[in-house]
């Protein structure tokens, strides 16, 4: 009843980036499904591998059988053997790790799922505020991360070839393959925003991210790039090795960081 009462009085003017929602509630494994044409599919996620994202294509009838009512929380778990119909949405590598799934139907065209965590209290208003906007950037937070032993590295990362090659290898239908591009890129983008500490990132377009990393002498550029490739291999496998990294130099000031990130 508490969830439903909160959902009845929502502020429809609020807007929140998915990455901000993730960080606020410390979520590790969740996604927003959105309806596109006649299908639902993951549009924004964190913790999903690429194969699960490609497995997310599902019909209206399927979701009507899972969560017909809007603004209603549904919980499925191994304990009561209710998970089985949901496992088709996950890759073989991930489905065995799932113990429980919470599902909240935001609207007739948007569904939120959370895996292996308790559904956060008081998150309903924020769930309804999630939309396709950039995360807010607080450049002042960089100041407190910089020490005598640290430097501010400017990096531009282009995922276009890697993401397109991964999807084309898995999905032969060209029209469906196009549907997944933003989904896979958003998972990668959210990992940049949520997994890597001492980092500020912005998407400059649908396949490129500009990032600022505060690095110390112990972390070389090569080690940083290898760490990113290893993490993103969890999304696109060996195709992470053809991600294009461009080191744009060392930032000396906040205005220089602002110019590089193209923050308005």
Protein backbone atom coordinates (compact mmCIF):
# COMPACT_ATOMS: atom_id res chain seq x y z
CA UNK A 1 0.00 0.00 0.00
CA UNK A 2 2.90 2.36 0.78
CA UNK A 3 4.30 2.05 -2.75
CA UNK A 4 0.92 2.59 -4.35
CA UNK A 5 0.11 5.62 -2.22
CA UNK A 6 3.40 7.25 -3.17
CA UNK A 7 2.87 6.44 -6.83
CA UNK A 8 -0.45 8.22 -6.79
CA UNK A 9 1.07 11.64 -6.08
CA UNK A 10 4.14 11.84 -8.30
CA UNK A 11 5.83 14.99 -9.59
CA UNK A 12 5.74 14.53 -13.37
CA UNK A 13 8.12 17.46 -13.94
CA UNK A 14 11.14 15.86 -12.25
CA UNK A 15 13.86 14.38 -14.47
CA UNK A 16 16.61 12.01 -13.38
CA UNK A 17 19.36 10.27 -15.32
CA UNK A 18 19.41 6.48 -14.94
CA UNK A 19 23.03 6.61 -13.72
CA UNK A 20 22.05 9.09 -10.99
CA UNK A 21 19.28 6.72 -9.88
CA UNK A 22 21.77 3.82 -9.75
CA UNK A 23 24.28 5.74 -7.66
CA UNK A 24 21.67 7.18 -5.30
CA UNK A 25 20.35 3.72 -4.33
CA UNK A 26 23.65 1.82 -4.79
CA UNK A 27 22.16 -0.61 -7.31
CA UNK A 28 24.36 -3.23 -8.98
CA UNK A 29 22.09 -5.27 -11.27
CA UNK A 30 19.00 -3.61 -12.72
CA UNK A 31 17.40 -2.40 -15.94
CA UNK A 32 14.62 -0.34 -17.45
CA UNK A 33 12.72 -2.07 -20.24
CA UNK A 34 10.96 0.19 -22.74
CA UNK A 35 8.50 -0.57 -25.49
CA UNK A 36 9.82 -0.02 -29.00
CA UNK A 37 7.57 -0.83 -31.93
CA UNK A 38 5.90 -4.11 -30.90
CA UNK A 39 8.54 -5.26 -28.40
CA UNK A 40 9.95 -4.50 -24.99
CA UNK A 41 13.72 -4.49 -24.59
CA UNK A 42 16.33 -3.21 -22.17
CA UNK A 43 17.06 0.46 -22.84
CA UNK A 44 19.15 1.28 -19.76
CA UNK A 45 20.95 -1.08 -17.43
CA UNK A 46 23.79 -1.78 -15.05
CA UNK A 47 25.32 -5.20 -14.39
CA UNK A 48 23.93 -6.89 -17.52
CA UNK A 49 26.15 -8.65 -20.02
CA UNK A 50 25.59 -8.07 -23.72
CA UNK A 51 24.02 -11.48 -24.26
CA UNK A 52 21.36 -10.72 -21.63
CA UNK A 53 20.63 -7.37 -23.28
CA UNK A 54 20.14 -9.14 -26.60
CA UNK A 55 17.90 -11.69 -24.84
CA UNK A 56 15.65 -8.96 -23.45
CA UNK A 57 13.46 -8.66 -26.56
CA UNK A 58 9.99 -9.62 -25.32
CA UNK A 59 6.33 -9.13 -26.18
CA UNK A 60 3.47 -7.21 -24.60
CA UNK A 61 1.69 -10.52 -23.91
CA UNK A 62 4.73 -11.83 -22.06
CA UNK A 63 4.84 -8.82 -19.72
CA UNK A 64 1.07 -8.82 -19.23
CA UNK A 65 1.51 -12.29 -17.79
CA UNK A 66 4.30 -11.10 -15.48
CA UNK A 67 3.09 -7.70 -14.27
CA UNK A 68 -0.23 -6.58 -15.69
CA UNK A 69 -0.90 -3.78 -13.20
CA UNK A 70 0.93 -0.46 -13.39
CA UNK A 71 2.58 1.04 -10.26
CA UNK A 72 2.63 -2.36 -8.61
CA UNK A 73 5.67 -4.15 -7.15
CA UNK A 74 6.04 -7.85 -7.97
CA UNK A 75 8.74 -10.03 -6.38
CA UNK A 76 9.93 -13.36 -7.81
CA UNK A 77 12.43 -15.69 -6.13
CA UNK A 78 14.06 -19.09 -6.20
CA UNK A 79 12.52 -19.86 -2.84
CA UNK A 80 8.98 -20.00 -4.21
CA UNK A 81 10.07 -21.26 -7.66
CA UNK A 82 8.55 -18.22 -9.41
CA UNK A 83 11.71 -17.14 -11.27
CA UNK A 84 11.47 -19.59 -14.16
CA UNK A 85 9.41 -17.44 -16.60
CA UNK A 86 11.90 -14.58 -16.18
CA UNK A 87 15.09 -16.49 -16.83
CA UNK A 88 14.59 -16.32 -20.61
CA UNK A 89 15.61 -12.63 -20.32
CA UNK A 90 19.13 -13.53 -19.21
CA UNK A 91 22.22 -15.13 -20.73
CA UNK A 92 23.39 -18.58 -19.67
CA UNK A 93 26.26 -16.89 -17.84
CA UNK A 94 23.95 -14.76 -15.69
CA UNK A 95 20.75 -16.72 -15.13
CA UNK A 96 22.34 -19.15 -12.66
CA UNK A 97 23.40 -16.24 -10.43
CA UNK A 98 19.90 -14.84 -9.98
CA UNK A 99 18.18 -15.47 -6.65
CA UNK A 100 15.36 -12.92 -6.79
CA UNK A 101 13.90 -10.28 -9.10
CA UNK A 102 11.75 -7.28 -8.20
CA UNK A 103 9.61 -5.86 -11.00
CA UNK A 104 7.84 -2.52 -10.97
CA UNK A 105 5.71 -1.47 -13.93
CA UNK A 106 6.33 2.27 -14.25
CA UNK A 107 3.85 2.72 -17.12
CA UNK A 108 2.30 0.79 -19.98
CA UNK A 109 5.55 1.24 -21.93
CA UNK A 110 8.23 1.17 -19.22
CA UNK A 111 9.17 -1.55 -16.72
CA UNK A 112 11.92 -1.60 -14.07
CA UNK A 113 13.57 -4.80 -12.87
CA UNK A 114 16.03 -5.25 -10.00
CA UNK A 115 18.00 -8.46 -9.42
CA UNK A 116 19.46 -9.87 -6.20
CA UNK A 117 18.79 -6.78 -4.06
CA UNK A 118 15.95 -5.62 -1.87
CA UNK A 119 13.76 -3.08 -3.61
CA UNK A 120 14.85 0.33 -2.22
CA UNK A 121 12.41 2.08 0.05
CA UNK A 122 11.16 5.48 -1.05
CA UNK A 123 12.47 5.13 -4.62
CA UNK A 124 9.15 5.22 -6.48
CA UNK A 125 9.14 8.94 -7.23
CA UNK A 126 12.69 8.71 -8.56
CA UNK A 127 11.78 5.68 -10.68
CA UNK A 128 9.07 7.66 -12.41
CA UNK A 129 11.51 10.55 -12.95
CA UNK A 130 14.03 8.46 -14.93
CA UNK A 131 14.39 9.68 -18.48
CA UNK A 132 16.94 9.88 -21.28
CA UNK A 133 19.05 12.80 -20.05
CA UNK A 134 22.73 13.28 -19.24
CA UNK A 135 23.95 12.81 -15.70
CA UNK A 136 24.68 16.03 -13.85
CA UNK A 137 28.37 16.94 -13.69
CA UNK A 138 29.91 18.46 -10.57
CA UNK A 139 33.34 19.61 -11.67
CA UNK A 140 34.11 20.94 -8.18
CA UNK A 141 34.28 17.35 -6.95
CA UNK A 142 37.49 16.93 -8.96
CA UNK A 143 39.34 19.40 -6.73
CA UNK A 144 39.15 17.23 -3.64
CA UNK A 145 40.40 14.19 -5.58
CA UNK A 146 43.59 15.85 -6.78
CA UNK A 147 46.74 15.46 -4.69
CA UNK A 148 50.43 16.12 -5.33
CA UNK A 149 50.74 12.54 -6.52
CA UNK A 150 47.78 12.71 -8.90
CA UNK A 151 47.10 14.06 -12.37
CA UNK A 152 43.91 14.61 -14.34
CA UNK A 153 43.88 12.50 -17.50
CA UNK A 154 41.60 13.42 -20.41
CA UNK A 155 40.33 10.42 -22.37
CA UNK A 156 37.93 9.99 -25.27
CA UNK A 157 36.60 6.48 -25.88
CA UNK A 158 34.85 5.43 -29.10
CA UNK A 159 32.78 2.22 -28.87
CA UNK A 160 31.13 2.26 -32.28
CA UNK A 161 33.16 -0.49 -33.96
CA UNK A 162 33.22 -2.69 -30.86
CA UNK A 163 29.48 -2.44 -30.13
CA UNK A 164 28.39 -2.82 -33.76
CA UNK A 165 30.70 -5.81 -34.29
CA UNK A 166 29.39 -7.51 -31.14
CA UNK A 167 25.74 -7.03 -32.09
CA UNK A 168 26.20 -8.02 -35.73
CA UNK A 169 27.88 -11.25 -34.68
CA UNK A 170 24.91 -12.16 -32.49
CA UNK A 171 21.87 -10.72 -34.28
CA UNK A 172 21.42 -11.47 -37.97
CA UNK A 173 18.19 -9.46 -38.40
CA UNK A 174 19.50 -5.99 -39.31
CA UNK A 175 16.40 -4.16 -38.08
CA UNK A 176 16.53 -5.84 -34.68
CA UNK A 177 20.30 -5.31 -34.51
CA UNK A 178 19.75 -1.54 -34.79
CA UNK A 179 17.32 -1.67 -31.86
CA UNK A 180 20.05 -2.93 -29.53
CA UNK A 181 22.78 -0.39 -30.25
CA UNK A 182 21.68 2.19 -27.68
CA UNK A 183 20.94 -0.55 -25.14
CA UNK A 184 24.46 -1.98 -25.23
CA UNK A 185 26.05 1.46 -25.32
CA UNK A 186 23.98 2.60 -22.31
CA UNK A 187 25.22 -0.37 -20.25
CA UNK A 188 28.80 0.58 -21.13
CA UNK A 189 28.16 4.26 -20.39
CA UNK A 190 26.60 3.45 -17.01
CA UNK A 191 29.61 1.34 -16.08
CA UNK A 192 31.84 4.33 -16.78
CA UNK A 193 29.65 6.51 -14.59
CA UNK A 194 29.16 4.04 -11.75
CA UNK A 195 32.03 1.52 -11.65
CA UNK A 196 35.13 3.64 -12.04
CA UNK A 197 35.99 5.84 -9.07
CA UNK A 198 37.74 9.22 -9.40
CA UNK A 199 36.12 9.65 -12.78
CA UNK A 200 33.72 12.07 -14.46
CA UNK A 201 32.20 11.04 -17.79
CA UNK A 202 29.80 12.42 -20.37
CA UNK A 203 28.38 10.90 -23.53
CA UNK A 204 29.24 13.16 -26.46
CA UNK A 205 27.08 11.13 -28.87
CA UNK A 206 25.62 7.62 -29.19
CA UNK A 207 28.98 5.88 -29.42
CA UNK A 208 31.57 8.12 -27.74
CA UNK A 209 32.32 8.97 -24.10
CA UNK A 210 34.64 11.70 -22.84
CA UNK A 211 36.09 11.02 -19.41
CA UNK A 212 38.28 12.65 -16.84
CA UNK A 213 40.28 10.24 -14.68
CA UNK A 214 42.27 11.28 -11.63
CA UNK A 215 45.28 8.94 -11.72
CA UNK A 216 48.32 8.49 -9.48
CA UNK A 217 51.84 7.34 -10.22
CA UNK A 218 50.79 3.80 -9.30
CA UNK A 219 48.18 3.73 -12.09
CA UNK A 220 49.67 4.15 -15.54
CA UNK A 221 47.64 4.98 -18.64
CA UNK A 222 48.22 1.43 -19.88
CA UNK A 223 46.93 -0.10 -16.63
CA UNK A 224 43.84 2.13 -16.73
CA UNK A 225 43.00 1.17 -20.31
CA UNK A 226 43.53 -2.54 -19.56
CA UNK A 227 41.28 -2.27 -16.51
CA UNK A 228 38.52 -0.70 -18.61
CA UNK A 229 38.88 -3.33 -21.35
CA UNK A 230 38.66 -6.13 -18.78
CA UNK A 231 35.53 -4.70 -17.17
CA UNK A 232 33.78 -4.08 -20.48
CA UNK A 233 34.60 -7.58 -21.70
CA UNK A 234 31.79 -8.51 -19.31
CA UNK A 235 29.45 -6.71 -21.70
CA UNK A 236 30.80 -7.32 -25.21
CA UNK A 237 33.34 -10.10 -24.69
CA UNK A 238 36.52 -10.00 -26.78
CA UNK A 239 35.14 -7.08 -28.79
CA UNK A 240 36.21 -4.84 -25.90
CA UNK A 241 39.73 -5.22 -27.30
CA UNK A 242 38.81 -3.12 -30.37
CA UNK A 243 37.47 -0.19 -28.36
CA UNK A 244 39.29 2.95 -29.50
CA UNK A 245 40.96 4.85 -26.64
CA UNK A 246 42.36 8.31 -27.28
CA UNK A 247 44.40 9.98 -24.52
CA UNK A 248 43.88 13.73 -24.98
CA UNK A 249 46.50 14.89 -22.47
CA UNK A 250 46.60 16.19 -18.90
CA UNK A 251 44.12 18.82 -17.69
CA UNK A 252 45.68 21.68 -15.71
CA UNK A 253 42.54 23.53 -14.62
CA UNK A 254 38.78 23.29 -14.09
CA UNK A 255 38.09 25.49 -17.17
CA UNK A 256 40.18 23.10 -19.26
CA UNK A 257 38.20 20.13 -17.91
CA UNK A 258 34.97 22.01 -18.60
CA UNK A 259 36.03 22.67 -22.19
CA UNK A 260 37.05 19.05 -22.78
CA UNK A 261 33.81 17.62 -21.38
CA UNK A 262 31.82 20.26 -23.26
CA UNK A 263 29.78 21.04 -20.17
CA UNK A 264 27.32 23.83 -20.76
